[in-house]
Amino acid sequence: MDRAILNDIHDFWFGALAGPEDYPKEKSGLWFKQSDETDDHIRKTYGAYVDEAARADWDLDALKREMRHALRERRRADHALDAQVGQVCDLIRALTCAALLVTGHHTHKGQWRKKRYG
């Protein structure tokens, strides 16, 4: 894959990083907020390179230091977000179970059922 394309993609997502500890706040909106405008821009600008990128044999050691760091930070942020989503799902599951128990439901063979009286 052409190195200029990789540099352009890196600049789009992370901007110019001053060093490994740099956090581009102006780019964080791209990471955490869904936007149809951003999605359209990515499709139009980089869509033609998706198949090539998927087939490429990536040599991460050959990437610039900033690109490697940005990739690691992105993975770290993804894992942190996954953990937060997991915690929210656990909380929702617990609240749902509590609400069902309070309304007279129980589980039978893994299914929630309404208790029958009499």
Protein backbone atom coordinates (compact mmCIF):
# COMPACT_ATOMS: atom_id res chain seq x y z
CA MET A 1 0.00 0.00 0.00
CA ASP A 2 1.27 3.44 -0.89
CA ARG A 3 2.94 5.13 2.09
CA ALA A 4 1.48 8.53 1.08
CA ILE A 5 -2.04 7.12 1.46
CA LEU A 6 -1.18 5.76 4.91
CA ASN A 7 0.23 9.15 5.93
CA ASP A 8 -2.93 10.87 4.67
CA ILE A 9 -5.14 8.47 6.63
CA HIS A 10 -3.02 8.94 9.75
CA ASP A 11 -3.22 12.72 9.42
CA PHE A 12 -7.00 12.55 8.96
CA TRP A 13 -7.52 10.51 12.15
CA PHE A 14 -4.76 11.91 14.38
CA GLY A 15 -3.39 15.13 12.85
CA ALA A 16 0.22 16.10 13.45
CA LEU A 17 1.35 14.53 16.70
CA ALA A 18 4.13 16.29 18.62
CA GLY A 19 5.16 13.09 20.36
CA PRO A 20 4.03 9.79 21.85
CA GLU A 21 2.13 11.50 24.68
CA ASP A 22 0.30 13.92 22.39
CA TYR A 23 -3.51 13.67 22.45
CA PRO A 24 -5.21 15.50 19.57
CA LYS A 25 -8.36 16.80 21.30
CA GLU A 26 -9.61 18.35 18.06
CA LYS A 27 -9.69 14.87 16.49
CA SER A 28 -11.38 13.06 19.39
CA GLY A 29 -14.80 14.00 18.03
CA LEU A 30 -14.07 11.78 15.04
CA TRP A 31 -13.36 8.87 17.34
CA PHE A 32 -16.29 9.04 19.72
CA LYS A 33 -19.16 10.71 17.83
CA GLN A 34 -20.99 9.14 14.92
CA SER A 35 -21.42 11.54 12.02
CA ASP A 36 -22.93 10.89 8.60
CA GLU A 37 -20.77 13.70 7.22
CA THR A 38 -17.58 12.04 8.50
CA ASP A 39 -18.72 8.63 7.24
CA ASP A 40 -19.40 10.08 3.76
CA HIS A 41 -16.01 11.81 3.71
CA ILE A 42 -14.21 8.57 4.66
CA ARG A 43 -16.12 6.58 2.04
CA LYS A 44 -15.41 9.09 -0.73
CA THR A 45 -11.78 9.73 0.21
CA TYR A 46 -10.55 6.30 1.33
CA GLY A 47 -13.17 3.82 0.13
CA ALA A 48 -11.18 2.88 -2.95
CA TYR A 49 -8.30 1.69 -0.74
CA VAL A 50 -10.24 -0.66 1.54
CA ASP A 51 -9.69 -3.83 -0.49
CA GLU A 52 -6.01 -3.04 -0.98
CA ALA A 53 -5.57 -2.36 2.74
CA ALA A 54 -7.30 -5.63 3.64
CA ARG A 55 -4.95 -7.58 1.36
CA ALA A 56 -1.80 -5.75 2.45
CA ASP A 57 0.83 -7.52 4.52
CA TRP A 58 1.22 -4.88 7.23
CA ASP A 59 4.70 -4.30 8.58
CA LEU A 60 3.91 -2.26 11.67
CA ASP A 61 7.61 -1.85 12.47
CA ALA A 62 8.02 0.10 9.22
CA LEU A 63 5.40 2.67 10.22
CA LYS A 64 6.53 5.97 11.64
CA ARG A 65 6.85 6.05 15.40
CA GLU A 66 3.86 8.38 15.68
CA MET A 67 1.71 6.05 13.58
CA ARG A 68 2.62 3.05 15.74
CA HIS A 69 1.85 5.03 18.87
CA ALA A 70 -1.45 6.29 17.47
CA LEU A 71 -2.43 2.75 16.50
CA ARG A 72 -1.59 1.46 19.98
CA GLU A 73 -3.49 4.33 21.61
CA ARG A 74 -6.51 3.70 19.40
CA ARG A 75 -6.48 0.02 20.38
CA ARG A 76 -6.12 0.99 24.04
CA ALA A 77 -9.05 3.42 23.75
CA ASP A 78 -11.13 0.74 22.00
CA HIS A 79 -10.44 -1.74 24.81
CA ALA A 80 -11.29 0.85 27.45
CA LEU A 81 -14.53 1.68 25.64
CA ASP A 82 -15.35 -2.04 25.33
CA ALA A 83 -14.83 -2.43 29.08
CA GLN A 84 -17.14 0.53 29.78
CA VAL A 85 -19.80 -0.86 27.45
CA GLY A 86 -19.49 -4.22 29.20
CA GLN A 87 -20.02 -2.56 32.59
CA VAL A 88 -23.08 -0.69 31.32
CA CYS A 89 -24.51 -3.93 29.88
CA ASP A 90 -23.93 -5.70 33.21
CA LEU A 91 -25.71 -2.87 35.04
CA ILE A 92 -28.65 -2.95 32.60
CA ARG A 93 -28.87 -6.72 32.99
CA ALA A 94 -28.89 -6.41 36.79
CA LEU A 95 -31.53 -3.67 36.74
CA THR A 96 -33.69 -5.69 34.35
CA CYS A 97 -33.45 -8.76 36.58
CA ALA A 98 -34.34 -6.69 39.63
CA ALA A 99 -37.34 -5.14 37.87
CA LEU A 100 -38.60 -8.55 36.74
CA LEU A 101 -38.18 -10.05 40.20
CA VAL A 102 -40.06 -7.15 41.80
CA THR A 103 -42.95 -7.62 39.36
CA GLY A 104 -43.34 -11.29 40.27
CA HIS A 105 -41.27 -12.97 37.55
CA HIS A 106 -38.88 -15.87 37.98
CA THR A 107 -36.57 -17.89 35.76
CA HIS A 108 -37.31 -21.40 34.67
CA LYS A 109 -34.84 -23.18 32.40
CA GLY A 110 -33.20 -19.85 31.59
CA GLN A 111 -36.42 -18.08 30.64
CA TRP A 112 -38.22 -15.34 32.52
CA ARG A 113 -41.78 -16.27 33.44
CA LYS A 114 -44.59 -14.61 35.38
CA LYS A 115 -45.43 -16.43 38.59
CA ARG A 116 -48.91 -17.88 38.74
CA TYR A 117 -50.77 -17.84 42.00
CA GLY A 118 -53.44 -20.34 42.85
